Full PDB file with SEQRES, HELIX, SHEET, SSBOND, CRYST1, ORIGX, SCALE, CONECT and MASTER records, all heavy atoms in Angstrom:
SEQRES   1 A   33  ASN THR ALA SER VAL ARG CYS ILE GLY PHE ASN MET GLY          
SEQRES   2 A   33  LYS LEU GLU LYS LYS LEU LEU GLU ALA ASP HIS PHE SER          
SEQRES   3 A   33  VAL ALA TYR GLU PRO ASP LEU                                  
HELIX    1 AA1 GLY A   13  LEU A   15  5                                   3    
HELIX    2 AA2 GLU A   16  GLU A   21  1                                   6    
CRYST1    1.000    1.000    1.000  90.00  90.00  90.00 P 1           1          
ORIGX1      1.000000  0.000000  0.000000        0.00000                         
ORIGX2      0.000000  1.000000  0.000000        0.00000                         
ORIGX3      0.000000  0.000000  1.000000        0.00000                         
SCALE1      1.000000  0.000000  0.000000        0.00000                         
SCALE2      0.000000  1.000000  0.000000        0.00000                         
SCALE3      0.000000  0.000000  1.000000        0.00000                         
ATOM      1  N   ASN A   1       0.800  -1.243   0.005  1.00  0.00           N  
ATOM      2  CA  ASN A   1       0.004   0.001   0.004  1.00  0.00           C  
ATOM      3  C   ASN A   1       0.829   1.288  -0.007  1.00  0.00           C  
ATOM      4  O   ASN A   1       0.273   2.368   0.014  1.00  0.00           O  
ATOM      5  CB  ASN A   1      -0.999   0.027   1.173  1.00  0.00           C  
ATOM      6  CG  ASN A   1      -2.032  -1.083   1.053  1.00  0.00           C  
ATOM      7  OD1 ASN A   1      -2.425  -1.474  -0.046  1.00  0.00           O  
ATOM      8  ND2 ASN A   1      -2.444  -1.619   2.199  1.00  0.00           N  
ATOM      9  N   THR A   2       2.188   1.129  -0.015  1.00  0.00           N  
ATOM     10  CA  THR A   2       3.027   2.324  -0.211  1.00  0.00           C  
ATOM     11  C   THR A   2       3.575   2.335  -1.646  1.00  0.00           C  
ATOM     12  O   THR A   2       3.878   3.388  -2.167  1.00  0.00           O  
ATOM     13  CB  THR A   2       4.225   2.351   0.751  1.00  0.00           C  
ATOM     14  OG1 THR A   2       5.163   1.329   0.426  1.00  0.00           O  
ATOM     15  CG2 THR A   2       3.762   2.176   2.184  1.00  0.00           C  
ATOM     16  N   ALA A   3       3.701   1.138  -2.229  1.00  0.00           N  
ATOM     17  CA  ALA A   3       4.169   0.992  -3.613  1.00  0.00           C  
ATOM     18  C   ALA A   3       3.993  -0.453  -4.012  1.00  0.00           C  
ATOM     19  O   ALA A   3       3.635  -1.317  -3.168  1.00  0.00           O  
ATOM     20  CB  ALA A   3       5.645   1.414  -3.732  1.00  0.00           C  
ATOM     21  N   SER A   4       4.218  -0.751  -5.273  1.00  0.00           N  
ATOM     22  CA  SER A   4       4.150  -2.131  -5.740  1.00  0.00           C  
ATOM     23  C   SER A   4       5.438  -2.465  -6.475  1.00  0.00           C  
ATOM     24  O   SER A   4       6.174  -1.558  -6.910  1.00  0.00           O  
ATOM     25  CB  SER A   4       2.963  -2.310  -6.704  1.00  0.00           C  
ATOM     26  OG  SER A   4       3.081  -1.454  -7.830  1.00  0.00           O  
ATOM     27  N   VAL A   5       5.714  -3.765  -6.599  1.00  0.00           N  
ATOM     28  CA  VAL A   5       6.960  -4.191  -7.225  1.00  0.00           C  
ATOM     29  C   VAL A   5       6.790  -5.616  -7.757  1.00  0.00           C  
ATOM     30  O   VAL A   5       6.035  -6.423  -7.198  1.00  0.00           O  
ATOM     31  CB  VAL A   5       8.135  -4.121  -6.223  1.00  0.00           C  
ATOM     32  CG1 VAL A   5       7.935  -5.142  -5.087  1.00  0.00           C  
ATOM     33  CG2 VAL A   5       9.466  -4.346  -6.904  1.00  0.00           C  
ATOM     34  N   ARG A   6       7.483  -5.901  -8.847  1.00  0.00           N  
ATOM     35  CA  ARG A   6       7.522  -7.259  -9.371  1.00  0.00           C  
ATOM     36  C   ARG A   6       8.626  -8.043  -8.657  1.00  0.00           C  
ATOM     37  O   ARG A   6       9.680  -7.507  -8.357  1.00  0.00           O  
ATOM     38  CB  ARG A   6       7.773  -7.264 -10.866  1.00  0.00           C  
ATOM     39  CG  ARG A   6       6.610  -6.723 -11.689  1.00  0.00           C  
ATOM     40  CD  ARG A   6       6.842  -6.877 -13.174  1.00  0.00           C  
ATOM     41  NE  ARG A   6       5.714  -6.389 -13.944  1.00  0.00           N  
ATOM     42  CZ  ARG A   6       4.637  -7.132 -14.200  1.00  0.00           C  
ATOM     43  NH1 ARG A   6       4.578  -8.377 -13.764  1.00  0.00           N  
ATOM     44  NH2 ARG A   6       3.650  -6.645 -14.931  1.00  0.00           N  
ATOM     45  N   CYS A   7       8.349  -9.343  -8.442  1.00  0.00           N  
ATOM     46  CA  CYS A   7       9.329 -10.182  -7.712  1.00  0.00           C  
ATOM     47  C   CYS A   7       9.593 -11.454  -8.536  1.00  0.00           C  
ATOM     48  O   CYS A   7       8.737 -11.939  -9.270  1.00  0.00           O  
ATOM     49  CB  CYS A   7       8.787 -10.609  -6.356  1.00  0.00           C  
ATOM     50  SG  CYS A   7       8.250  -9.251  -5.299  1.00  0.00           S  
ATOM     51  N   ILE A   8      10.804 -11.976  -8.371  1.00  0.00           N  
ATOM     52  CA  ILE A   8      11.159 -13.270  -8.943  1.00  0.00           C  
ATOM     53  C   ILE A   8      11.687 -14.160  -7.792  1.00  0.00           C  
ATOM     54  O   ILE A   8      12.530 -13.703  -7.006  1.00  0.00           O  
ATOM     55  CB  ILE A   8      12.214 -13.150 -10.062  1.00  0.00           C  
ATOM     56  CG1 ILE A   8      12.596 -14.510 -10.631  1.00  0.00           C  
ATOM     57  CG2 ILE A   8      13.453 -12.397  -9.588  1.00  0.00           C  
ATOM     58  CD1 ILE A   8      11.557 -15.137 -11.483  1.00  0.00           C  
ATOM     59  N   GLY A   9      11.152 -15.341  -7.684  1.00  0.00           N  
ATOM     60  CA  GLY A   9      11.622 -16.279  -6.655  1.00  0.00           C  
ATOM     61  C   GLY A   9      12.195 -17.525  -7.303  1.00  0.00           C  
ATOM     62  O   GLY A   9      11.440 -18.347  -7.825  1.00  0.00           O  
ATOM     63  N   PHE A  10      13.517 -17.625  -7.299  1.00  0.00           N  
ATOM     64  CA  PHE A  10      14.162 -18.793  -7.943  1.00  0.00           C  
ATOM     65  C   PHE A  10      13.907 -20.050  -7.099  1.00  0.00           C  
ATOM     66  O   PHE A  10      14.041 -20.033  -5.872  1.00  0.00           O  
ATOM     67  CB  PHE A  10      15.651 -18.535  -8.128  1.00  0.00           C  
ATOM     68  CG  PHE A  10      15.930 -17.423  -9.104  1.00  0.00           C  
ATOM     69  CD1 PHE A  10      16.438 -16.204  -8.670  1.00  0.00           C  
ATOM     70  CD2 PHE A  10      15.677 -17.591 -10.445  1.00  0.00           C  
ATOM     71  CE1 PHE A  10      16.682 -15.163  -9.568  1.00  0.00           C  
ATOM     72  CE2 PHE A  10      15.912 -16.559 -11.372  1.00  0.00           C  
ATOM     73  CZ  PHE A  10      16.431 -15.353 -10.920  1.00  0.00           C  
ATOM     74  N   ASN A  11      13.528 -21.123  -7.792  1.00  0.00           N  
ATOM     75  CA  ASN A  11      13.213 -22.400  -7.157  1.00  0.00           C  
ATOM     76  C   ASN A  11      12.069 -22.314  -6.141  1.00  0.00           C  
ATOM     77  O   ASN A  11      12.012 -23.055  -5.159  1.00  0.00           O  
ATOM     78  CB  ASN A  11      14.445 -22.999  -6.482  1.00  0.00           C  
ATOM     79  CG  ASN A  11      15.556 -23.295  -7.482  1.00  0.00           C  
ATOM     80  OD1 ASN A  11      15.321 -23.940  -8.510  1.00  0.00           O  
ATOM     81  ND2 ASN A  11      16.773 -22.822  -7.199  1.00  0.00           N  
ATOM     82  N   MET A  12      11.151 -21.369  -6.367  1.00  0.00           N  
ATOM     83  CA  MET A  12       9.988 -21.201  -5.465  1.00  0.00           C  
ATOM     84  C   MET A  12       8.678 -21.514  -6.186  1.00  0.00           C  
ATOM     85  O   MET A  12       7.599 -21.182  -5.686  1.00  0.00           O  
ATOM     86  CB  MET A  12       9.938 -19.754  -4.923  1.00  0.00           C  
ATOM     87  CG  MET A  12      11.022 -19.407  -3.951  1.00  0.00           C  
ATOM     88  SD  MET A  12      10.761 -17.763  -3.249  1.00  0.00           S  
ATOM     89  CE  MET A  12      12.142 -17.669  -2.094  1.00  0.00           C  
ATOM     90  N   GLY A  13       8.748 -22.153  -7.346  1.00  0.00           N  
ATOM     91  CA  GLY A  13       7.535 -22.447  -8.124  1.00  0.00           C  
ATOM     92  C   GLY A  13       6.518 -23.243  -7.319  1.00  0.00           C  
ATOM     93  O   GLY A  13       5.305 -23.095  -7.516  1.00  0.00           O  
ATOM     94  N   LYS A  14       6.993 -24.086  -6.400  1.00  0.00           N  
ATOM     95  CA  LYS A  14       6.075 -24.952  -5.632  1.00  0.00           C  
ATOM     96  C   LYS A  14       5.185 -24.166  -4.680  1.00  0.00           C  
ATOM     97  O   LYS A  14       4.225 -24.719  -4.121  1.00  0.00           O  
ATOM     98  CB  LYS A  14       6.891 -26.002  -4.865  1.00  0.00           C  
ATOM     99  CG  LYS A  14       7.893 -25.404  -3.922  1.00  0.00           C  
ATOM    100  CD  LYS A  14       8.795 -26.462  -3.309  1.00  0.00           C  
ATOM    101  CE  LYS A  14       9.881 -25.834  -2.416  1.00  0.00           C  
ATOM    102  NZ  LYS A  14      10.789 -26.855  -1.885  1.00  0.00           N  
ATOM    103  N   LEU A  15       5.476 -22.872  -4.478  1.00  0.00           N  
ATOM    104  CA  LEU A  15       4.686 -22.074  -3.561  1.00  0.00           C  
ATOM    105  C   LEU A  15       3.499 -21.393  -4.252  1.00  0.00           C  
ATOM    106  O   LEU A  15       2.756 -20.612  -3.622  1.00  0.00           O  
ATOM    107  CB  LEU A  15       5.571 -20.993  -2.897  1.00  0.00           C  
ATOM    108  CG  LEU A  15       6.675 -21.510  -1.982  1.00  0.00           C  
ATOM    109  CD1 LEU A  15       7.491 -20.347  -1.457  1.00  0.00           C  
ATOM    110  CD2 LEU A  15       6.085 -22.312  -0.823  1.00  0.00           C  
ATOM    111  N   GLU A  16       3.323 -21.638  -5.555  1.00  0.00           N  
ATOM    112  CA  GLU A  16       2.265 -20.962  -6.321  1.00  0.00           C  
ATOM    113  C   GLU A  16       0.893 -21.146  -5.676  1.00  0.00           C  
ATOM    114  O   GLU A  16       0.158 -20.162  -5.461  1.00  0.00           O  
ATOM    115  CB  GLU A  16       2.243 -21.493  -7.752  1.00  0.00           C  
ATOM    116  CG  GLU A  16       1.150 -20.864  -8.602  1.00  0.00           C  
ATOM    117  CD  GLU A  16       0.975 -21.589  -9.945  1.00  0.00           C  
ATOM    118  OE1 GLU A  16       1.312 -22.779 -10.024  1.00  0.00           O  
ATOM    119  OE2 GLU A  16       0.501 -20.932 -10.899  1.00  0.00           O  
ATOM    120  N   LYS A  17       0.519 -22.352  -5.349  1.00  0.00           N  
ATOM    121  CA  LYS A  17      -0.798 -22.626  -4.809  1.00  0.00           C  
ATOM    122  C   LYS A  17      -0.996 -21.961  -3.455  1.00  0.00           C  
ATOM    123  O   LYS A  17      -2.074 -21.378  -3.162  1.00  0.00           O  
ATOM    124  CB  LYS A  17      -1.029 -24.138  -4.698  1.00  0.00           C  
ATOM    125  CG  LYS A  17      -2.410 -24.531  -4.199  1.00  0.00           C  
ATOM    126  CD  LYS A  17      -2.580 -26.048  -4.161  1.00  0.00           C  
ATOM    127  CE  LYS A  17      -3.978 -26.414  -3.668  1.00  0.00           C  
ATOM    128  NZ  LYS A  17      -4.158 -27.883  -3.554  1.00  0.00           N  
ATOM    129  N   LYS A  18       0.031 -22.018  -2.629  1.00  0.00           N  
ATOM    130  CA  LYS A  18      -0.061 -21.422  -1.290  1.00  0.00           C  
ATOM    131  C   LYS A  18      -0.219 -19.912  -1.362  1.00  0.00           C  
ATOM    132  O   LYS A  18      -0.949 -19.306  -0.570  1.00  0.00           O  
ATOM    133  CB  LYS A  18       1.199 -21.783  -0.492  1.00  0.00           C  
ATOM    134  CG  LYS A  18       1.014 -21.721   1.015  1.00  0.00           C  
ATOM    135  CD  LYS A  18       2.155 -22.411   1.730  1.00  0.00           C  
ATOM    136  CE  LYS A  18       1.893 -22.419   3.244  1.00  0.00           C  
ATOM    137  NZ  LYS A  18       2.965 -23.104   3.992  1.00  0.00           N  
ATOM    138  N   LEU A  19       0.428 -19.285  -2.349  1.00  0.00           N  
ATOM    139  CA  LEU A  19       0.296 -17.843  -2.522  1.00  0.00           C  
ATOM    140  C   LEU A  19      -1.108 -17.467  -3.010  1.00  0.00           C  
ATOM    141  O   LEU A  19      -1.632 -16.417  -2.645  1.00  0.00           O  
ATOM    142  CB  LEU A  19       1.361 -17.338  -3.505  1.00  0.00           C  
ATOM    143  CG  LEU A  19       2.771 -17.195  -2.953  1.00  0.00           C  
ATOM    144  CD1 LEU A  19       3.775 -17.010  -4.092  1.00  0.00           C  
ATOM    145  CD2 LEU A  19       2.845 -16.028  -1.980  1.00  0.00           C  
ATOM    146  N   LEU A  20      -1.705 -18.308  -3.809  1.00  0.00           N  
ATOM    147  CA  LEU A  20      -3.056 -18.052  -4.288  1.00  0.00           C  
ATOM    148  C   LEU A  20      -4.074 -18.083  -3.155  1.00  0.00           C  
ATOM    149  O   LEU A  20      -5.113 -17.394  -3.178  1.00  0.00           O  
ATOM    150  CB  LEU A  20      -3.458 -19.093  -5.351  1.00  0.00           C  
ATOM    151  CG  LEU A  20      -2.844 -18.912  -6.752  1.00  0.00           C  
ATOM    152  CD1 LEU A  20      -3.105 -20.133  -7.594  1.00  0.00           C  
ATOM    153  CD2 LEU A  20      -3.417 -17.649  -7.406  1.00  0.00           C  
ATOM    154  N   GLU A  21      -3.762 -18.863  -2.124  1.00  0.00           N  
ATOM    155  CA  GLU A  21      -4.682 -19.030  -0.979  1.00  0.00           C  
ATOM    156  C   GLU A  21      -4.430 -17.996   0.111  1.00  0.00           C  
ATOM    157  O   GLU A  21      -5.285 -17.818   1.004  1.00  0.00           O  
ATOM    158  CB  GLU A  21      -4.551 -20.425  -0.403  1.00  0.00           C  
ATOM    159  CG  GLU A  21      -4.926 -21.549  -1.380  1.00  0.00           C  
ATOM    160  CD  GLU A  21      -4.564 -22.923  -0.854  1.00  0.00           C  
ATOM    161  OE1 GLU A  21      -3.835 -22.986   0.135  1.00  0.00           O  
ATOM    162  OE2 GLU A  21      -5.006 -23.924  -1.448  1.00  0.00           O  
ATOM    163  N   ALA A  22      -3.285 -17.292   0.068  1.00  0.00           N  
ATOM    164  CA  ALA A  22      -2.915 -16.356   1.144  1.00  0.00           C  
ATOM    165  C   ALA A  22      -3.420 -14.951   0.858  1.00  0.00           C  
ATOM    166  O   ALA A  22      -3.269 -14.442  -0.247  1.00  0.00           O  
ATOM    167  CB  ALA A  22      -1.410 -16.356   1.317  1.00  0.00           C  
ATOM    168  N   ASP A  23      -4.004 -14.318   1.885  1.00  0.00           N  
ATOM    169  CA  ASP A  23      -4.412 -12.918   1.770  1.00  0.00           C  
ATOM    170  C   ASP A  23      -3.219 -11.971   1.960  1.00  0.00           C  
ATOM    171  O   ASP A  23      -3.062 -11.008   1.240  1.00  0.00           O  
ATOM    172  CB  ASP A  23      -5.516 -12.584   2.784  1.00  0.00           C  
ATOM    173  CG  ASP A  23      -6.817 -13.335   2.494  1.00  0.00           C  
ATOM    174  OD1 ASP A  23      -7.111 -13.524   1.294  1.00  0.00           O  
ATOM    175  OD2 ASP A  23      -7.494 -13.731   3.452  1.00  0.00           O  
ATOM    176  N   HIS A  24      -2.435 -12.259   2.980  1.00  0.00           N  
ATOM    177  CA  HIS A  24      -1.260 -11.456   3.272  1.00  0.00           C  
ATOM    178  C   HIS A  24      -0.111 -12.386   3.618  1.00  0.00           C  
ATOM    179  O   HIS A  24      -0.298 -13.494   4.112  1.00  0.00           O  
ATOM    180  CB  HIS A  24      -1.508 -10.490   4.432  1.00  0.00           C  
ATOM    181  CG  HIS A  24      -2.471  -9.381   4.090  1.00  0.00           C  
ATOM    182  ND1 HIS A  24      -3.833  -9.555   4.185  1.00  0.00           N  
ATOM    183  CD2 HIS A  24      -2.264  -8.123   3.657  1.00  0.00           C  
ATOM    184  CE1 HIS A  24      -4.431  -8.426   3.822  1.00  0.00           C  
ATOM    185  NE2 HIS A  24      -3.498  -7.550   3.478  1.00  0.00           N  
ATOM    186  N   PHE A  25       1.094 -11.943   3.397  1.00  0.00           N  
ATOM    187  CA  PHE A  25       2.299 -12.695   3.713  1.00  0.00           C  
ATOM    188  C   PHE A  25       3.475 -11.710   3.828  1.00  0.00           C  
ATOM    189  O   PHE A  25       3.327 -10.522   3.515  1.00  0.00           O  
ATOM    190  CB  PHE A  25       2.578 -13.763   2.646  1.00  0.00           C  
ATOM    191  CG  PHE A  25       2.517 -13.249   1.233  1.00  0.00           C  
ATOM    192  CD1 PHE A  25       3.657 -12.821   0.571  1.00  0.00           C  
ATOM    193  CD2 PHE A  25       1.311 -13.225   0.533  1.00  0.00           C  
ATOM    194  CE1 PHE A  25       3.626 -12.387  -0.716  1.00  0.00           C  
ATOM    195  CE2 PHE A  25       1.245 -12.773  -0.767  1.00  0.00           C  
ATOM    196  CZ  PHE A  25       2.411 -12.336  -1.402  1.00  0.00           C  
ATOM    197  N   SER A  26       4.596 -12.199   4.302  1.00  0.00           N  
ATOM    198  CA  SER A  26       5.779 -11.358   4.461  1.00  0.00           C  
ATOM    199  C   SER A  26       6.883 -11.901   3.548  1.00  0.00           C  
ATOM    200  O   SER A  26       6.952 -13.124   3.312  1.00  0.00           O  
ATOM    201  CB  SER A  26       6.251 -11.357   5.911  1.00  0.00           C  
ATOM    202  OG  SER A  26       5.220 -10.845   6.742  1.00  0.00           O  
ATOM    203  N   VAL A  27       7.755 -11.034   3.072  1.00  0.00           N  
ATOM    204  CA  VAL A  27       8.808 -11.433   2.141  1.00  0.00           C  
ATOM    205  C   VAL A  27      10.169 -10.921   2.579  1.00  0.00           C  
ATOM    206  O   VAL A  27      10.293  -9.841   3.171  1.00  0.00           O  
ATOM    207  CB  VAL A  27       8.511 -10.939   0.690  1.00  0.00           C  
ATOM    208  CG1 VAL A  27       7.328 -11.655   0.118  1.00  0.00           C  
ATOM    209  CG2 VAL A  27       8.295  -9.421   0.675  1.00  0.00           C  
ATOM    210  N   ALA A  28      11.190 -11.740   2.326  1.00  0.00           N  
ATOM    211  CA  ALA A  28      12.588 -11.308   2.450  1.00  0.00           C  
ATOM    212  C   ALA A  28      13.168 -11.338   1.049  1.00  0.00           C  
ATOM    213  O   ALA A  28      12.844 -12.223   0.268  1.00  0.00           O  
ATOM    214  CB  ALA A  28      13.342 -12.267   3.369  1.00  0.00           C  
ATOM    215  N   TYR A  29      14.017 -10.363   0.733  1.00  0.00           N  
ATOM    216  CA  TYR A  29      14.421 -10.220  -0.663  1.00  0.00           C  
ATOM    217  C   TYR A  29      15.716  -9.383  -0.809  1.00  0.00           C  
ATOM    218  O   TYR A  29      16.117  -8.674   0.130  1.00  0.00           O  
ATOM    219  CB  TYR A  29      13.293  -9.513  -1.456  1.00  0.00           C  
ATOM    220  CG  TYR A  29      12.859  -8.229  -0.800  1.00  0.00           C  
ATOM    221  CD1 TYR A  29      13.514  -7.015  -1.038  1.00  0.00           C  
ATOM    222  CD2 TYR A  29      11.785  -8.221   0.088  1.00  0.00           C  
ATOM    223  CE1 TYR A  29      13.119  -5.846  -0.413  1.00  0.00           C  
ATOM    224  CE2 TYR A  29      11.374  -7.060   0.740  1.00  0.00           C  
ATOM    225  CZ  TYR A  29      12.053  -5.875   0.476  1.00  0.00           C  
ATOM    226  OH  TYR A  29      11.680  -4.719   1.111  1.00  0.00           O  
ATOM    227  N   GLU A  30      16.308  -9.520  -1.978  1.00  0.00           N  
ATOM    228  CA  GLU A  30      17.421  -8.668  -2.394  1.00  0.00           C  
ATOM    229  C   GLU A  30      16.904  -7.717  -3.459  1.00  0.00           C  
ATOM    230  O   GLU A  30      16.432  -8.175  -4.511  1.00  0.00           O  
ATOM    231  CB  GLU A  30      18.573  -9.504  -2.955  1.00  0.00           C  
ATOM    232  CG  GLU A  30      19.174 -10.483  -1.970  1.00  0.00           C  
ATOM    233  CD  GLU A  30      20.193 -11.414  -2.623  1.00  0.00           C  
ATOM    234  OE1 GLU A  30      20.297 -11.367  -3.878  1.00  0.00           O  
ATOM    235  OE2 GLU A  30      20.832 -12.195  -1.898  1.00  0.00           O  
ATOM    236  N   PRO A  31      16.946  -6.423  -3.223  1.00  0.00           N  
ATOM    237  CA  PRO A  31      16.476  -5.487  -4.262  1.00  0.00           C  
ATOM    238  C   PRO A  31      17.456  -5.438  -5.431  1.00  0.00           C  
ATOM    239  O   PRO A  31      18.676  -5.495  -5.228  1.00  0.00           O  
ATOM    240  CB  PRO A  31      16.419  -4.126  -3.531  1.00  0.00           C  
ATOM    241  CG  PRO A  31      17.392  -4.275  -2.407  1.00  0.00           C  
ATOM    242  CD  PRO A  31      17.374  -5.721  -2.008  1.00  0.00           C  
ATOM    243  N   ASP A  32      16.933  -5.391  -6.633  1.00  0.00           N  
ATOM    244  CA  ASP A  32      17.782  -5.434  -7.816  1.00  0.00           C  
ATOM    245  C   ASP A  32      17.184  -4.508  -8.881  1.00  0.00           C  
ATOM    246  O   ASP A  32      16.041  -4.072  -8.760  1.00  0.00           O  
ATOM    247  CB  ASP A  32      17.842  -6.872  -8.347  1.00  0.00           C  
ATOM    248  CG  ASP A  32      18.990  -7.104  -9.309  1.00  0.00           C  
ATOM    249  OD1 ASP A  32      19.871  -6.227  -9.409  1.00  0.00           O  
ATOM    250  OD2 ASP A  32      18.998  -8.138  -9.965  1.00  0.00           O  
ATOM    251  N   LEU A  33      17.989  -4.210  -9.888  1.00  0.00           N  
ATOM    252  CA  LEU A  33      17.521  -3.422 -11.018  1.00  0.00           C  
ATOM    253  C   LEU A  33      17.394  -4.338 -12.231  1.00  0.00           C  
ATOM    254  O   LEU A  33      18.339  -5.037 -12.589  1.00  0.00           O  
ATOM    255  CB  LEU A  33      18.475  -2.268 -11.323  1.00  0.00           C  
ATOM    256  CG  LEU A  33      18.574  -1.188 -10.240  1.00  0.00           C  
ATOM    257  CD1 LEU A  33      19.621  -0.130 -10.626  1.00  0.00           C  
ATOM    258  CD2 LEU A  33      17.240  -0.505 -10.002  1.00  0.00           C  
TER     259      LEU A  33                                                      
MASTER        0    0    0    2    0    0    0    6  258    1    0    3          
END                                                                             
């Protein structure tokens, strides 16, 4: 709600279904250009 961003999660394809079911979640990441 402050901004939006696209993310890529390497070897995280198996989390697709869980993300579809989740309303909110938390992320750890490396910002990149």
